[in-house]
Amino acid sequence: EVQLVESGGGLVQPGGSLRLSCAASGFTLDDYAMSWVRQAPGKGLEWVSTIIWNGDSTYYAESMKGRFTISRDNARNTLYLQMNSLKSEDTAVYYCARADSRVPLVLLTTGPVSQSHYDYWGQGTQVTVSA
């Protein structure tokens, strides 16, 4: 059974940092591109970042560039998102998602998020940025 389990969320002050983890099981992580997607209260899904299967290429939404870093440890079957210089507008539920291998990378990294681009999602972890 494929499972994605996020952890590491919490309450942090503006300017602070958090590191999210996504533990994958039931499949071999290095067979897939992986993404982080978030959903703020009352808003739709927003793409955050994508990393290809071996970690050699990473992609970020414009507002996350320079602040967030996606990485993966395929040996540990774990995906990470290091978030620095957090802002109140980063408050959201953060999900890790496994990309459907049939979806071109350009569709994962541009335009609005489509749930159909991903075949498995985690349950999400809440990140709240507040003083």
Protein backbone atom coordinates (compact mmCIF):
# COMPACT_ATOMS: atom_id res chain seq x y z
CA GLU A 1 0.00 0.00 0.00
CA VAL A 2 1.37 3.37 -1.02
CA GLN A 3 1.56 5.87 1.83
CA LEU A 4 2.90 9.39 2.20
CA VAL A 5 3.10 10.75 5.73
CA GLU A 6 4.08 14.36 6.34
CA SER A 7 5.49 15.69 9.59
CA GLY A 8 7.30 18.72 10.92
CA GLY A 9 4.58 21.34 10.76
CA GLY A 10 3.74 23.64 13.62
CA LEU A 11 3.53 27.20 14.84
CA VAL A 12 6.45 29.48 14.05
CA GLN A 13 7.03 33.21 14.25
CA PRO A 14 7.54 35.31 11.13
CA GLY A 15 11.13 35.02 9.99
CA GLY A 16 11.47 31.58 11.50
CA SER A 17 12.19 28.21 9.93
CA LEU A 18 10.63 24.78 9.72
CA ARG A 19 11.66 21.54 8.05
CA LEU A 20 8.91 19.34 6.73
CA SER A 21 9.41 15.65 6.06
CA CYS A 22 7.40 13.22 3.97
CA ALA A 23 7.98 9.55 4.66
CA ALA A 24 7.10 7.36 1.69
CA SER A 25 6.27 3.68 1.85
CA GLY A 26 4.84 1.05 -0.44
CA PHE A 27 6.88 2.14 -3.45
CA THR A 28 10.41 3.05 -4.46
CA LEU A 29 10.78 6.80 -4.04
CA ASP A 30 13.47 7.22 -6.68
CA ASP A 31 11.12 6.07 -9.41
CA TYR A 32 9.13 9.30 -9.13
CA ALA A 33 9.23 13.06 -9.19
CA MET A 34 7.76 14.48 -6.00
CA SER A 35 6.15 17.78 -5.13
CA TRP A 36 5.06 19.87 -2.21
CA VAL A 37 1.69 21.56 -2.59
CA ARG A 38 -0.04 23.77 -0.05
CA GLN A 39 -3.52 25.01 0.68
CA ALA A 40 -4.12 28.16 2.66
CA PRO A 41 -7.38 28.68 4.55
CA GLY A 42 -10.21 29.39 2.13
CA LYS A 43 -7.99 29.05 -0.94
CA GLY A 44 -7.22 26.47 -3.57
CA LEU A 45 -4.18 24.28 -3.97
CA GLU A 46 -0.91 26.09 -4.65
CA TRP A 47 2.17 24.42 -6.06
CA VAL A 48 5.25 24.97 -3.91
CA SER A 49 8.10 22.91 -5.31
CA THR A 50 9.02 19.82 -7.34
CA ILE A 51 12.12 17.62 -7.36
CA ILE A 52 12.96 15.07 -10.02
CA TRP A 53 13.65 11.44 -9.22
CA ASN A 54 17.37 11.77 -8.45
CA GLY A 55 17.27 15.24 -6.93
CA ASP A 56 19.43 16.79 -9.65
CA SER A 57 16.79 19.30 -10.64
CA THR A 58 14.49 21.28 -8.40
CA TYR A 59 11.77 23.78 -9.19
CA TYR A 60 10.04 26.41 -7.06
CA ALA A 61 7.10 28.72 -7.24
CA GLU A 62 8.29 32.29 -7.56
CA SER A 63 7.33 33.36 -4.04
CA MET A 64 9.29 30.46 -2.53
CA LYS A 65 12.54 30.90 -4.43
CA GLY A 66 15.44 31.68 -2.13
CA ARG A 67 13.46 30.78 0.98
CA PHE A 68 12.44 27.14 0.50
CA THR A 69 14.63 24.16 -0.38
CA ILE A 70 13.27 20.82 -1.52
CA SER A 71 15.42 17.73 -1.17
CA ARG A 72 15.12 13.98 -1.03
CA ASP A 73 16.89 11.03 0.50
CA ASN A 74 15.96 8.08 -1.66
CA ALA A 75 17.83 5.66 0.58
CA ARG A 76 15.54 6.71 3.43
CA ASN A 77 12.49 7.05 1.17
CA THR A 78 11.97 10.55 2.50
CA LEU A 79 11.21 13.92 0.93
CA TYR A 80 12.00 17.20 2.68
CA LEU A 81 11.08 20.86 2.51
CA GLN A 82 13.28 23.32 4.37
CA MET A 83 11.41 26.58 4.85
CA ASN A 84 13.26 29.70 5.95
CA SER A 85 12.25 33.33 6.37
CA LEU A 86 8.66 32.27 6.84
CA LYS A 87 5.89 34.81 6.35
CA SER A 88 2.31 34.92 7.54
CA GLU A 89 1.19 34.19 3.99
CA ASP A 90 2.98 30.84 4.15
CA THR A 91 0.35 29.65 6.61
CA ALA A 92 -1.27 26.61 5.02
CA VAL A 93 -1.61 22.87 5.09
CA TYR A 94 1.37 21.43 3.26
CA TYR A 95 1.01 18.21 1.30
CA CYS A 96 3.58 16.00 -0.36
CA ALA A 97 2.41 14.33 -3.53
CA ARG A 98 3.75 11.69 -5.89
CA ALA A 99 3.74 12.80 -9.49
CA ASP A 100 2.00 10.62 -12.03
CA SER A 101 4.89 9.35 -14.15
CA ARG A 102 2.91 10.04 -17.32
CA VAL A 103 2.67 13.77 -16.62
CA PRO A 104 5.38 15.92 -18.26
CA LEU A 105 7.57 17.83 -15.85
CA VAL A 106 6.54 21.14 -17.42
CA LEU A 107 2.96 20.57 -16.27
CA LEU A 108 4.09 19.90 -12.70
CA THR A 109 6.12 23.09 -12.52
CA THR A 110 3.94 25.60 -14.35
CA GLY A 111 0.36 26.72 -14.22
CA PRO A 112 -2.24 25.85 -11.60
CA VAL A 113 -2.06 22.64 -9.61
CA SER A 114 -4.14 19.83 -11.00
CA GLN A 115 -4.90 16.96 -8.70
CA SER A 116 -4.83 14.71 -11.74
CA HIS A 117 -1.08 15.31 -12.05
CA TYR A 118 -0.51 13.36 -8.86
CA ASP A 119 -1.52 9.82 -8.03
CA TYR A 120 -0.90 9.82 -4.28
CA TRP A 121 -1.12 12.51 -1.62
CA GLY A 122 -0.22 12.65 2.02
CA GLN A 123 -2.66 13.75 4.71
CA GLY A 124 -0.97 17.13 5.09
CA THR A 125 0.78 18.96 7.90
CA GLN A 126 -0.31 22.36 9.21
CA VAL A 127 2.14 25.24 9.13
CA THR A 128 1.08 28.39 10.96
CA VAL A 129 3.23 31.50 10.81
CA SER A 130 2.15 33.99 13.42
CA ALA A 131 3.58 36.26 16.08
